[in-house]
PDB file of all heavy atoms in Angstrom:
ATOM      1  N   VAL A   1       0.826  -1.163   0.022  1.00  0.00           N
ATOM      2  CA  VAL A   1      -0.016  -0.006  -0.018  1.00  0.00           C
ATOM      3  C   VAL A   1       0.863   1.219  -0.007  1.00  0.00           C
ATOM      4  O   VAL A   1       1.593   1.479   0.930  1.00  0.00           O
ATOM      5  CB  VAL A   1      -0.951  -0.031   1.248  1.00  0.00           C
ATOM      6  CG1 VAL A   1      -1.810   1.261   1.206  1.00  0.00           C
ATOM      7  CG2 VAL A   1      -1.847  -1.223   1.257  1.00  0.00           C
ATOM      8  N   TYR A   2       0.810   1.978  -1.122  1.00  0.00           N
ATOM      9  CA  TYR A   2       1.596   3.204  -1.270  1.00  0.00           C
ATOM     10  C   TYR A   2       0.810   4.380  -0.809  1.00  0.00           C
ATOM     11  O   TYR A   2      -0.187   4.814  -1.455  1.00  0.00           O
ATOM     12  CB  TYR A   2       1.990   3.374  -2.725  1.00  0.00           C
ATOM     13  CG  TYR A   2       2.882   4.510  -3.078  1.00  0.00           C
ATOM     14  CD1 TYR A   2       3.669   5.148  -2.064  1.00  0.00           C
ATOM     15  CD2 TYR A   2       2.983   5.027  -4.325  1.00  0.00           C
ATOM     16  CE1 TYR A   2       4.536   6.165  -2.448  1.00  0.00           C
ATOM     17  CE2 TYR A   2       3.773   6.002  -4.764  1.00  0.00           C
ATOM     18  CZ  TYR A   2       4.556   6.640  -3.800  1.00  0.00           C
ATOM     19  OH  TYR A   2       5.410   7.727  -4.085  1.00  0.00           O
ATOM     20  N   CYS A   3       1.107   4.955   0.398  1.00  0.00           N
ATOM     21  CA  CYS A   3       0.345   6.061   1.032  1.00  0.00           C
ATOM     22  C   CYS A   3       1.031   7.326   0.618  1.00  0.00           C
ATOM     23  O   CYS A   3       1.966   7.822   1.221  1.00  0.00           O
ATOM     24  CB  CYS A   3       0.318   5.877   2.568  1.00  0.00           C
ATOM     25  SG  CYS A   3      -0.322   4.296   3.078  1.00  0.00           S
ATOM     26  N   MET A   4       0.513   7.972  -0.407  1.00  0.00           N
ATOM     27  CA  MET A   4       1.244   9.193  -0.993  1.00  0.00           C
ATOM     28  C   MET A   4       0.861  10.432  -0.272  1.00  0.00           C
ATOM     29  O   MET A   4      -0.197  10.720   0.174  1.00  0.00           O
ATOM     30  CB  MET A   4       0.767   9.270  -2.488  1.00  0.00           C
ATOM     31  CG  MET A   4       1.278   8.168  -3.380  1.00  0.00           C
ATOM     32  SD  MET A   4       0.811   8.432  -5.095  1.00  0.00           S
ATOM     33  CE  MET A   4       1.870   9.860  -5.487  1.00  0.00           C
ATOM     34  N   ASN A   5       1.944  11.359  -0.203  1.00  0.00           N
ATOM     35  CA  ASN A   5       1.754  12.656   0.330  1.00  0.00           C
ATOM     36  C   ASN A   5       2.960  13.471  -0.065  1.00  0.00           C
ATOM     37  O   ASN A   5       4.021  13.274   0.491  1.00  0.00           O
ATOM     38  CB  ASN A   5       1.578  12.645   1.811  1.00  0.00           C
ATOM     39  CG  ASN A   5       1.332  14.026   2.379  1.00  0.00           C
ATOM     40  OD1 ASN A   5       0.644  14.882   1.794  1.00  0.00           O
ATOM     41  ND2 ASN A   5       1.906  14.333   3.537  1.00  0.00           N
ATOM     42  N   ASN A   6       2.867  14.324  -1.002  1.00  0.00           N
ATOM     43  CA  ASN A   6       3.992  15.199  -1.470  1.00  0.00           C
ATOM     44  C   ASN A   6       5.199  14.358  -1.837  1.00  0.00           C
ATOM     45  O   ASN A   6       6.378  14.563  -1.396  1.00  0.00           O
ATOM     46  CB  ASN A   6       4.317  16.238  -0.379  1.00  0.00           C
ATOM     47  CG  ASN A   6       3.223  17.138  -0.111  1.00  0.00           C
ATOM     48  OD1 ASN A   6       2.528  17.657  -0.976  1.00  0.00           O
ATOM     49  ND2 ASN A   6       3.076  17.494   1.145  1.00  0.00           N
ATOM     50  N   GLU A   7       4.968  13.272  -2.530  1.00  0.00           N
ATOM     51  CA  GLU A   7       6.088  12.370  -2.993  1.00  0.00           C
ATOM     52  C   GLU A   7       6.950  12.990  -4.052  1.00  0.00           C
ATOM     53  O   GLU A   7       6.456  13.738  -4.939  1.00  0.00           O
ATOM     54  CB  GLU A   7       5.527  11.050  -3.509  1.00  0.00           C
ATOM     55  CG  GLU A   7       4.560  10.360  -2.554  1.00  0.00           C
ATOM     56  CD  GLU A   7       5.224   9.726  -1.363  1.00  0.00           C
ATOM     57  OE1 GLU A   7       6.451   9.512  -1.342  1.00  0.00           O
ATOM     58  OE2 GLU A   7       4.473   9.575  -0.363  1.00  0.00           O
ATOM     59  N   THR A   8       8.236  12.779  -3.999  1.00  0.00           N
ATOM     60  CA  THR A   8       9.154  13.189  -5.027  1.00  0.00           C
ATOM     61  C   THR A   8       8.964  12.253  -6.292  1.00  0.00           C
ATOM     62  O   THR A   8       8.612  11.080  -6.154  1.00  0.00           O
ATOM     63  CB  THR A   8      10.601  13.220  -4.623  1.00  0.00           C
ATOM     64  OG1 THR A   8      11.038  11.862  -4.405  1.00  0.00           O
ATOM     65  CG2 THR A   8      10.746  14.124  -3.363  1.00  0.00           C
ATOM     66  N   ARG A   9       9.282  12.741  -7.480  1.00  0.00           N
ATOM     67  CA  ARG A   9       9.347  11.840  -8.651  1.00  0.00           C
ATOM     68  C   ARG A   9      10.315  10.769  -8.525  1.00  0.00           C
ATOM     69  O   ARG A   9      10.179   9.696  -9.118  1.00  0.00           O
ATOM     70  CB  ARG A   9       9.548  12.689  -9.839  1.00  0.00           C
ATOM     71  CG  ARG A   9       8.398  13.663 -10.225  1.00  0.00           C
ATOM     72  CD  ARG A   9       8.660  14.408 -11.541  1.00  0.00           C
ATOM     73  NE  ARG A   9       8.683  13.539 -12.704  1.00  0.00           N
ATOM     74  CZ  ARG A   9       7.525  13.221 -13.353  1.00  0.00           C
ATOM     75  NH1 ARG A   9       6.360  13.582 -12.951  1.00  0.00           N
ATOM     76  NH2 ARG A   9       7.659  12.358 -14.435  1.00  0.00           N
ATOM     77  N   ASP A  10      11.411  11.021  -7.804  1.00  0.00           N
ATOM     78  CA  ASP A  10      12.441   9.924  -7.590  1.00  0.00           C
ATOM     79  C   ASP A  10      11.843   8.803  -6.897  1.00  0.00           C
ATOM     80  O   ASP A  10      12.012   7.653  -7.179  1.00  0.00           O
ATOM     81  CB  ASP A  10      13.631  10.431  -6.852  1.00  0.00           C
ATOM     82  CG  ASP A  10      14.529  11.340  -7.742  1.00  0.00           C
ATOM     83  OD1 ASP A  10      14.423  11.271  -8.924  1.00  0.00           O
ATOM     84  OD2 ASP A  10      15.428  12.034  -7.133  1.00  0.00           O
ATOM     85  N   THR A  11      11.120   9.115  -5.785  1.00  0.00           N
ATOM     86  CA  THR A  11      10.453   8.019  -4.992  1.00  0.00           C
ATOM     87  C   THR A  11       9.441   7.201  -5.802  1.00  0.00           C
ATOM     88  O   THR A  11       9.412   6.035  -5.811  1.00  0.00           O
ATOM     89  CB  THR A  11       9.763   8.575  -3.751  1.00  0.00           C
ATOM     90  OG1 THR A  11      10.711   9.212  -2.903  1.00  0.00           O
ATOM     91  CG2 THR A  11       9.060   7.517  -2.921  1.00  0.00           C
ATOM     92  N   MET A  12       8.652   7.958  -6.586  1.00  0.00           N
ATOM     93  CA  MET A  12       7.638   7.286  -7.459  1.00  0.00           C
ATOM     94  C   MET A  12       8.372   6.416  -8.491  1.00  0.00           C
ATOM     95  O   MET A  12       7.918   5.261  -8.754  1.00  0.00           O
ATOM     96  CB  MET A  12       6.752   8.285  -8.104  1.00  0.00           C
ATOM     97  CG  MET A  12       5.794   9.002  -7.125  1.00  0.00           C
ATOM     98  SD  MET A  12       4.550  10.012  -7.997  1.00  0.00           S
ATOM     99  CE  MET A  12       5.566  11.520  -8.311  1.00  0.00           C
ATOM    100  N   SER A  13       9.459   6.926  -9.070  1.00  0.00           N
ATOM    101  CA  SER A  13      10.226   6.124 -10.029  1.00  0.00           C
ATOM    102  C   SER A  13      10.780   4.847  -9.410  1.00  0.00           C
ATOM    103  O   SER A  13      10.823   3.832 -10.052  1.00  0.00           O
ATOM    104  CB  SER A  13      11.318   7.024 -10.645  1.00  0.00           C
ATOM    105  OG  SER A  13      10.806   8.084 -11.402  1.00  0.00           O
ATOM    106  N   GLN A  14      11.287   5.055  -8.190  1.00  0.00           N
ATOM    107  CA  GLN A  14      11.785   3.819  -7.479  1.00  0.00           C
ATOM    108  C   GLN A  14      10.705   2.703  -7.380  1.00  0.00           C
ATOM    109  O   GLN A  14      11.010   1.559  -7.623  1.00  0.00           O
ATOM    110  CB  GLN A  14      12.328   4.227  -6.133  1.00  0.00           C
ATOM    111  CG  GLN A  14      13.649   4.963  -6.170  1.00  0.00           C
ATOM    112  CD  GLN A  14      14.228   5.282  -4.779  1.00  0.00           C
ATOM    113  OE1 GLN A  14      14.825   4.408  -4.236  1.00  0.00           O
ATOM    114  NE2 GLN A  14      13.924   6.394  -4.233  1.00  0.00           N
ATOM    115  N   LEU A  15       9.566   3.169  -6.931  1.00  0.00           N
ATOM    116  CA  LEU A  15       8.458   2.199  -6.787  1.00  0.00           C
ATOM    117  C   LEU A  15       8.085   1.589  -8.047  1.00  0.00           C
ATOM    118  O   LEU A  15       7.713   0.330  -8.154  1.00  0.00           O
ATOM    119  CB  LEU A  15       7.318   2.812  -6.102  1.00  0.00           C
ATOM    120  CG  LEU A  15       7.462   2.904  -4.552  1.00  0.00           C
ATOM    121  CD1 LEU A  15       6.528   3.923  -3.982  1.00  0.00           C
ATOM    122  CD2 LEU A  15       7.280   1.542  -3.888  1.00  0.00           C
ATOM    123  N   ILE A  16       8.069   2.305  -9.122  1.00  0.00           N
ATOM    124  CA  ILE A  16       7.749   1.783 -10.483  1.00  0.00           C
ATOM    125  C   ILE A  16       8.789   0.767 -10.849  1.00  0.00           C
ATOM    126  O   ILE A  16       8.489  -0.304 -11.434  1.00  0.00           O
ATOM    127  CB  ILE A  16       7.754   2.934 -11.540  1.00  0.00           C
ATOM    128  CG1 ILE A  16       6.509   3.844 -11.296  1.00  0.00           C
ATOM    129  CG2 ILE A  16       7.660   2.407 -12.931  1.00  0.00           C
ATOM    130  CD1 ILE A  16       6.498   5.142 -12.044  1.00  0.00           C
ATOM    131  N   THR A  17      10.091   1.025 -10.639  1.00  0.00           N
ATOM    132  CA  THR A  17      11.159   0.098 -10.862  1.00  0.00           C
ATOM    133  C   THR A  17      10.858  -1.208 -10.107  1.00  0.00           C
ATOM    134  O   THR A  17      11.001  -2.313 -10.651  1.00  0.00           O
ATOM    135  CB  THR A  17      12.538   0.641 -10.456  1.00  0.00           C
ATOM    136  OG1 THR A  17      12.739   1.927 -11.099  1.00  0.00           O
ATOM    137  CG2 THR A  17      13.684  -0.273 -10.805  1.00  0.00           C
ATOM    138  N   ILE A  18      10.607  -1.092  -8.861  1.00  0.00           N
ATOM    139  CA  ILE A  18      10.322  -2.254  -7.972  1.00  0.00           C
ATOM    140  C   ILE A  18       9.141  -3.057  -8.553  1.00  0.00           C
ATOM    141  O   ILE A  18       9.248  -4.340  -8.650  1.00  0.00           O
ATOM    142  CB  ILE A  18      10.112  -1.835  -6.528  1.00  0.00           C
ATOM    143  CG1 ILE A  18      11.344  -1.302  -5.865  1.00  0.00           C
ATOM    144  CG2 ILE A  18       9.533  -3.005  -5.722  1.00  0.00           C
ATOM    145  CD1 ILE A  18      11.165  -0.591  -4.560  1.00  0.00           C
ATOM    146  N   LYS A  19       8.079  -2.392  -8.885  1.00  0.00           N
ATOM    147  CA  LYS A  19       6.855  -3.033  -9.366  1.00  0.00           C
ATOM    148  C   LYS A  19       7.252  -3.869 -10.603  1.00  0.00           C
ATOM    149  O   LYS A  19       6.744  -5.029 -10.736  1.00  0.00           O
ATOM    150  CB  LYS A  19       5.860  -1.982  -9.717  1.00  0.00           C
ATOM    151  CG  LYS A  19       4.600  -2.482 -10.507  1.00  0.00           C
ATOM    152  CD  LYS A  19       3.642  -3.184  -9.627  1.00  0.00           C
ATOM    153  CE  LYS A  19       2.414  -3.425 -10.425  1.00  0.00           C
ATOM    154  NZ  LYS A  19       1.251  -4.018  -9.573  1.00  0.00           N
ATOM    155  N   HIS A  20       8.059  -3.302 -11.510  1.00  0.00           N
ATOM    156  CA  HIS A  20       8.187  -3.955 -12.819  1.00  0.00           C
ATOM    157  C   HIS A  20       9.470  -4.818 -12.970  1.00  0.00           C
ATOM    158  O   HIS A  20       9.462  -5.676 -13.862  1.00  0.00           O
ATOM    159  CB  HIS A  20       8.294  -2.874 -13.924  1.00  0.00           C
ATOM    160  CG  HIS A  20       6.962  -2.204 -14.120  1.00  0.00           C
ATOM    161  ND1 HIS A  20       5.832  -2.812 -14.588  1.00  0.00           N
ATOM    162  CD2 HIS A  20       6.620  -0.899 -14.043  1.00  0.00           C
ATOM    163  CE1 HIS A  20       4.836  -2.007 -14.678  1.00  0.00           C
ATOM    164  NE2 HIS A  20       5.239  -0.783 -14.319  1.00  0.00           N
ATOM    165  N   THR A  21      10.426  -4.673 -12.023  1.00  0.00           N
ATOM    166  CA  THR A  21      11.708  -5.402 -12.287  1.00  0.00           C
ATOM    167  C   THR A  21      12.238  -6.180 -11.086  1.00  0.00           C
ATOM    168  O   THR A  21      13.081  -6.982 -11.204  1.00  0.00           O
ATOM    169  CB  THR A  21      12.835  -4.453 -12.743  1.00  0.00           C
ATOM    170  OG1 THR A  21      13.135  -3.550 -11.707  1.00  0.00           O
ATOM    171  CG2 THR A  21      12.393  -3.669 -13.946  1.00  0.00           C
ATOM    172  N   LYS A  22      11.688  -5.863  -9.865  1.00  0.00           N
ATOM    173  CA  LYS A  22      12.318  -6.385  -8.683  1.00  0.00           C
ATOM    174  C   LYS A  22      11.449  -7.389  -7.919  1.00  0.00           C
ATOM    175  O   LYS A  22      11.916  -7.996  -6.900  1.00  0.00           O
ATOM    176  CB  LYS A  22      12.612  -5.210  -7.699  1.00  0.00           C
ATOM    177  CG  LYS A  22      13.693  -4.205  -8.193  1.00  0.00           C
ATOM    178  CD  LYS A  22      15.042  -4.926  -8.429  1.00  0.00           C
ATOM    179  CE  LYS A  22      16.122  -3.888  -8.958  1.00  0.00           C
ATOM    180  NZ  LYS A  22      17.413  -4.611  -9.185  1.00  0.00           N
ATOM    181  N   LEU A  23      10.281  -7.652  -8.347  1.00  0.00           N
ATOM    182  CA  LEU A  23       9.442  -8.574  -7.570  1.00  0.00           C
ATOM    183  C   LEU A  23       9.642  -9.991  -8.101  1.00  0.00           C
ATOM    184  O   LEU A  23       9.670 -10.324  -9.252  1.00  0.00           O
ATOM    185  CB  LEU A  23       7.942  -8.217  -7.848  1.00  0.00           C
ATOM    186  CG  LEU A  23       7.497  -6.832  -7.306  1.00  0.00           C
ATOM    187  CD1 LEU A  23       5.978  -6.700  -7.567  1.00  0.00           C
ATOM    188  CD2 LEU A  23       7.778  -6.673  -5.899  1.00  0.00           C
ATOM    189  N   GLU A  24       9.838 -10.874  -7.089  1.00  0.00           N
ATOM    190  CA  GLU A  24       9.961 -12.255  -7.372  1.00  0.00           C
ATOM    191  C   GLU A  24       8.546 -12.976  -7.699  1.00  0.00           C
ATOM    192  O   GLU A  24       8.454 -13.947  -8.361  1.00  0.00           O
ATOM    193  CB  GLU A  24      10.605 -13.050  -6.197  1.00  0.00           C
ATOM    194  CG  GLU A  24      12.000 -12.582  -5.917  1.00  0.00           C
ATOM    195  CD  GLU A  24      12.604 -13.256  -4.715  1.00  0.00           C
ATOM    196  OE1 GLU A  24      11.957 -14.085  -4.085  1.00  0.00           O
ATOM    197  OE2 GLU A  24      13.742 -12.920  -4.313  1.00  0.00           O
ATOM    198  N   ARG A  25       7.547 -12.302  -7.222  1.00  0.00           N
ATOM    199  CA  ARG A  25       6.189 -12.736  -7.498  1.00  0.00           C
ATOM    200  C   ARG A  25       5.278 -11.477  -7.609  1.00  0.00           C
ATOM    201  O   ARG A  25       5.756 -10.426  -7.047  1.00  0.00           O
ATOM    202  CB  ARG A  25       5.685 -13.676  -6.461  1.00  0.00           C
ATOM    203  CG  ARG A  25       5.600 -13.063  -5.100  1.00  0.00           C
ATOM    204  CD  ARG A  25       5.215 -14.082  -4.041  1.00  0.00           C
ATOM    205  NE  ARG A  25       5.406 -13.570  -2.679  1.00  0.00           N
ATOM    206  CZ  ARG A  25       4.500 -12.773  -2.076  1.00  0.00           C
ATOM    207  NH1 ARG A  25       3.466 -12.349  -2.703  1.00  0.00           N
ATOM    208  NH2 ARG A  25       4.772 -12.407  -0.834  1.00  0.00           N
ATOM    209  N   LYS A  26       4.187 -11.549  -8.272  1.00  0.00           N
ATOM    210  CA  LYS A  26       3.389 -10.403  -8.496  1.00  0.00           C
ATOM    211  C   LYS A  26       2.670 -10.020  -7.130  1.00  0.00           C
ATOM    212  O   LYS A  26       2.053 -10.828  -6.556  1.00  0.00           O
ATOM    213  CB  LYS A  26       2.357 -10.631  -9.563  1.00  0.00           C
ATOM    214  CG  LYS A  26       1.429  -9.415  -9.718  1.00  0.00           C
ATOM    215  CD  LYS A  26       0.529  -9.571 -10.937  1.00  0.00           C
ATOM    216  CE  LYS A  26      -0.485  -8.437 -11.050  1.00  0.00           C
ATOM    217  NZ  LYS A  26       0.136  -7.130 -11.082  1.00  0.00           N
ATOM    218  N   THR A  27       2.922  -8.850  -6.671  1.00  0.00           N
ATOM    219  CA  THR A  27       2.332  -8.279  -5.485  1.00  0.00           C
ATOM    220  C   THR A  27       1.387  -7.208  -5.865  1.00  0.00           C
ATOM    221  O   THR A  27       1.809  -6.221  -6.471  1.00  0.00           O
ATOM    222  CB  THR A  27       3.343  -7.830  -4.454  1.00  0.00           C
ATOM    223  OG1 THR A  27       4.279  -8.895  -4.133  1.00  0.00           O
ATOM    224  CG2 THR A  27       2.621  -7.297  -3.205  1.00  0.00           C
ATOM    225  N   PRO A  28       0.080  -7.262  -5.565  1.00  0.00           N
ATOM    226  CA  PRO A  28      -0.816  -6.143  -5.929  1.00  0.00           C
ATOM    227  C   PRO A  28      -0.351  -4.866  -5.213  1.00  0.00           C
ATOM    228  O   PRO A  28       0.020  -4.869  -4.021  1.00  0.00           O
ATOM    229  CB  PRO A  28      -2.211  -6.597  -5.377  1.00  0.00           C
ATOM    230  CG  PRO A  28      -2.120  -8.018  -5.310  1.00  0.00           C
ATOM    231  CD  PRO A  28      -0.634  -8.383  -4.954  1.00  0.00           C
ATOM    232  N   PHE A  29      -0.383  -3.722  -5.963  1.00  0.00           N
ATOM    233  CA  PHE A  29       0.001  -2.454  -5.422  1.00  0.00           C
ATOM    234  C   PHE A  29      -1.298  -1.606  -5.306  1.00  0.00           C
ATOM    235  O   PHE A  29      -1.975  -1.378  -6.256  1.00  0.00           O
ATOM    236  CB  PHE A  29       0.954  -1.743  -6.308  1.00  0.00           C
ATOM    237  CG  PHE A  29       2.390  -2.069  -6.156  1.00  0.00           C
ATOM    238  CD1 PHE A  29       2.775  -3.406  -5.880  1.00  0.00           C
ATOM    239  CD2 PHE A  29       3.344  -1.141  -6.226  1.00  0.00           C
ATOM    240  CE1 PHE A  29       4.099  -3.775  -5.708  1.00  0.00           C
ATOM    241  CE2 PHE A  29       4.729  -1.437  -6.010  1.00  0.00           C
ATOM    242  CZ  PHE A  29       5.079  -2.771  -5.785  1.00  0.00           C
ATOM    243  N   PHE A  30      -1.635  -1.131  -4.069  1.00  0.00           N
ATOM    244  CA  PHE A  30      -2.671  -0.229  -3.875  1.00  0.00           C
ATOM    245  C   PHE A  30      -2.077   1.187  -3.606  1.00  0.00           C
ATOM    246  O   PHE A  30      -1.017   1.340  -3.054  1.00  0.00           O
ATOM    247  CB  PHE A  30      -3.451  -0.613  -2.515  1.00  0.00           C
ATOM    248  CG  PHE A  30      -4.453  -1.722  -2.751  1.00  0.00           C
ATOM    249  CD1 PHE A  30      -4.071  -2.999  -3.238  1.00  0.00           C
ATOM    250  CD2 PHE A  30      -5.778  -1.622  -2.401  1.00  0.00           C
ATOM    251  CE1 PHE A  30      -4.901  -4.047  -3.337  1.00  0.00           C
ATOM    252  CE2 PHE A  30      -6.688  -2.619  -2.573  1.00  0.00           C
ATOM    253  CZ  PHE A  30      -6.236  -3.861  -2.990  1.00  0.00           C
ATOM    254  N   VAL A  31      -2.760   2.216  -4.115  1.00  0.00           N
ATOM    255  CA  VAL A  31      -2.355   3.574  -3.960  1.00  0.00           C
ATOM    256  C   VAL A  31      -3.393   4.284  -3.185  1.00  0.00           C
ATOM    257  O   VAL A  31      -4.542   4.364  -3.641  1.00  0.00           O
ATOM    258  CB  VAL A  31      -2.030   4.223  -5.298  1.00  0.00           C
ATOM    259  CG1 VAL A  31      -1.715   5.759  -5.107  1.00  0.00           C
ATOM    260  CG2 VAL A  31      -0.915   3.539  -5.994  1.00  0.00           C
ATOM    261  N   VAL A  32      -3.014   4.955  -2.098  1.00  0.00           N
ATOM    262  CA  VAL A  32      -3.889   5.797  -1.297  1.00  0.00           C
ATOM    263  C   VAL A  32      -3.442   7.211  -1.557  1.00  0.00           C
ATOM    264  O   VAL A  32      -2.348   7.601  -1.144  1.00  0.00           O
ATOM    265  CB  VAL A  32      -3.891   5.471   0.239  1.00  0.00           C
ATOM    266  CG1 VAL A  32      -4.741   6.374   0.988  1.00  0.00           C
ATOM    267  CG2 VAL A  32      -4.199   3.967   0.409  1.00  0.00           C
ATOM    268  N   ALA A  33      -4.233   8.002  -2.253  1.00  0.00           N
ATOM    269  CA  ALA A  33      -3.768   9.362  -2.684  1.00  0.00           C
ATOM    270  C   ALA A  33      -4.976  10.172  -3.029  1.00  0.00           C
ATOM    271  O   ALA A  33      -6.119   9.684  -3.209  1.00  0.00           O
ATOM    272  CB  ALA A  33      -2.772   9.194  -3.800  1.00  0.00           C
ATOM    273  N   THR A  34      -4.663  11.474  -3.328  1.00  0.00           N
ATOM    274  CA  THR A  34      -5.685  12.287  -3.940  1.00  0.00           C
ATOM    275  C   THR A  34      -5.803  11.915  -5.436  1.00  0.00           C
ATOM    276  O   THR A  34      -4.955  11.205  -5.979  1.00  0.00           O
ATOM    277  CB  THR A  34      -5.295  13.782  -3.887  1.00  0.00           C
ATOM    278  OG1 THR A  34      -4.031  13.928  -4.623  1.00  0.00           O
ATOM    279  CG2 THR A  34      -5.025  14.241  -2.392  1.00  0.00           C
ATOM    280  N   GLN A  35      -6.902  12.363  -6.073  1.00  0.00           N
ATOM    281  CA  GLN A  35      -7.123  12.007  -7.478  1.00  0.00           C
ATOM    282  C   GLN A  35      -6.008  12.542  -8.264  1.00  0.00           C
ATOM    283  O   GLN A  35      -5.535  11.980  -9.221  1.00  0.00           O
ATOM    284  CB  GLN A  35      -8.408  12.560  -7.937  1.00  0.00           C
ATOM    285  CG  GLN A  35      -8.812  12.130  -9.337  1.00  0.00           C
ATOM    286  CD  GLN A  35      -8.972  10.656  -9.472  1.00  0.00           C
ATOM    287  OE1 GLN A  35      -9.849  10.120  -8.914  1.00  0.00           O
ATOM    288  NE2 GLN A  35      -8.145  10.030 -10.267  1.00  0.00           N
ATOM    289  N   ASP A  36      -5.563  13.791  -7.983  1.00  0.00           N
ATOM    290  CA  ASP A  36      -4.469  14.395  -8.741  1.00  0.00           C
ATOM    291  C   ASP A  36      -3.202  13.668  -8.649  1.00  0.00           C
ATOM    292  O   ASP A  36      -2.452  13.433  -9.652  1.00  0.00           O
ATOM    293  CB  ASP A  36      -4.185  15.852  -8.223  1.00  0.00           C
ATOM    294  CG  ASP A  36      -5.365  16.814  -8.624  1.00  0.00           C
ATOM    295  OD1 ASP A  36      -6.078  16.493  -9.510  1.00  0.00           O
ATOM    296  OD2 ASP A  36      -5.356  17.934  -8.044  1.00  0.00           O
ATOM    297  N   ASP A  37      -2.828  13.122  -7.427  1.00  0.00           N
ATOM    298  CA  ASP A  37      -1.655  12.313  -7.329  1.00  0.00           C
ATOM    299  C   ASP A  37      -1.723  11.047  -8.041  1.00  0.00           C
ATOM    300  O   ASP A  37      -0.768  10.521  -8.648  1.00  0.00           O
ATOM    301  CB  ASP A  37      -1.366  12.049  -5.858  1.00  0.00           C
ATOM    302  CG  ASP A  37      -0.740  13.282  -5.043  1.00  0.00           C
ATOM    303  OD1 ASP A  37      -0.208  14.150  -5.802  1.00  0.00           O
ATOM    304  OD2 ASP A  37      -0.802  13.330  -3.876  1.00  0.00           O
ATOM    305  N   CYS A  38      -2.930  10.398  -7.959  1.00  0.00           N
ATOM    306  CA  CYS A  38      -3.136   9.158  -8.771  1.00  0.00           C
ATOM    307  C   CYS A  38      -2.924   9.450 -10.242  1.00  0.00           C
ATOM    308  O   CYS A  38      -2.274   8.596 -10.943  1.00  0.00           O
ATOM    309  CB  CYS A  38      -4.483   8.621  -8.481  1.00  0.00           C
ATOM    310  SG  CYS A  38      -4.679   7.895  -6.880  1.00  0.00           S
ATOM    311  N   ASP A  39      -3.429  10.517 -10.722  1.00  0.00           N
ATOM    312  CA  ASP A  39      -3.319  10.831 -12.171  1.00  0.00           C
ATOM    313  C   ASP A  39      -1.860  11.055 -12.527  1.00  0.00           C
ATOM    314  O   ASP A  39      -1.371  10.643 -13.633  1.00  0.00           O
ATOM    315  CB  ASP A  39      -4.154  12.043 -12.544  1.00  0.00           C
ATOM    316  CG  ASP A  39      -5.661  11.843 -12.386  1.00  0.00           C
ATOM    317  OD1 ASP A  39      -6.039  10.676 -12.422  1.00  0.00           O
ATOM    318  OD2 ASP A  39      -6.366  12.829 -12.337  1.00  0.00           O
ATOM    319  N   GLU A  40      -1.119  11.750 -11.612  1.00  0.00           N
ATOM    320  CA  GLU A  40       0.347  11.985 -11.913  1.00  0.00           C
ATOM    321  C   GLU A  40       1.103  10.779 -11.962  1.00  0.00           C
ATOM    322  O   GLU A  40       1.946  10.470 -12.801  1.00  0.00           O
ATOM    323  CB  GLU A  40       0.847  12.946 -10.757  1.00  0.00           C
ATOM    324  CG  GLU A  40       2.403  13.278 -10.960  1.00  0.00           C
ATOM    325  CD  GLU A  40       2.642  14.140 -12.214  1.00  0.00           C
ATOM    326  OE1 GLU A  40       1.645  14.790 -12.672  1.00  0.00           O
ATOM    327  OE2 GLU A  40       3.744  14.144 -12.677  1.00  0.00           O
ATOM    328  N   LEU A  41       0.840   9.800 -11.052  1.00  0.00           N
ATOM    329  CA  LEU A  41       1.513   8.520 -11.038  1.00  0.00           C
ATOM    330  C   LEU A  41       1.184   7.677 -12.193  1.00  0.00           C
ATOM    331  O   LEU A  41       2.015   7.030 -12.848  1.00  0.00           O
ATOM    332  CB  LEU A  41       1.072   7.820  -9.736  1.00  0.00           C
ATOM    333  CG  LEU A  41       1.803   6.449  -9.473  1.00  0.00           C
ATOM    334  CD1 LEU A  41       3.361   6.607  -9.400  1.00  0.00           C
ATOM    335  CD2 LEU A  41       1.355   5.863  -8.126  1.00  0.00           C
TER     336      LEU A  41
END
């Protein structure tokens, strides 16, 4: 569960990397954020 609040683009990029390249098995990612932050991500 990614609880967003004024996240930097570097942090978001790191999580994207983990999601797509570092998982040994698929783990669902939930995002808790404002609509604007969800759209940006």
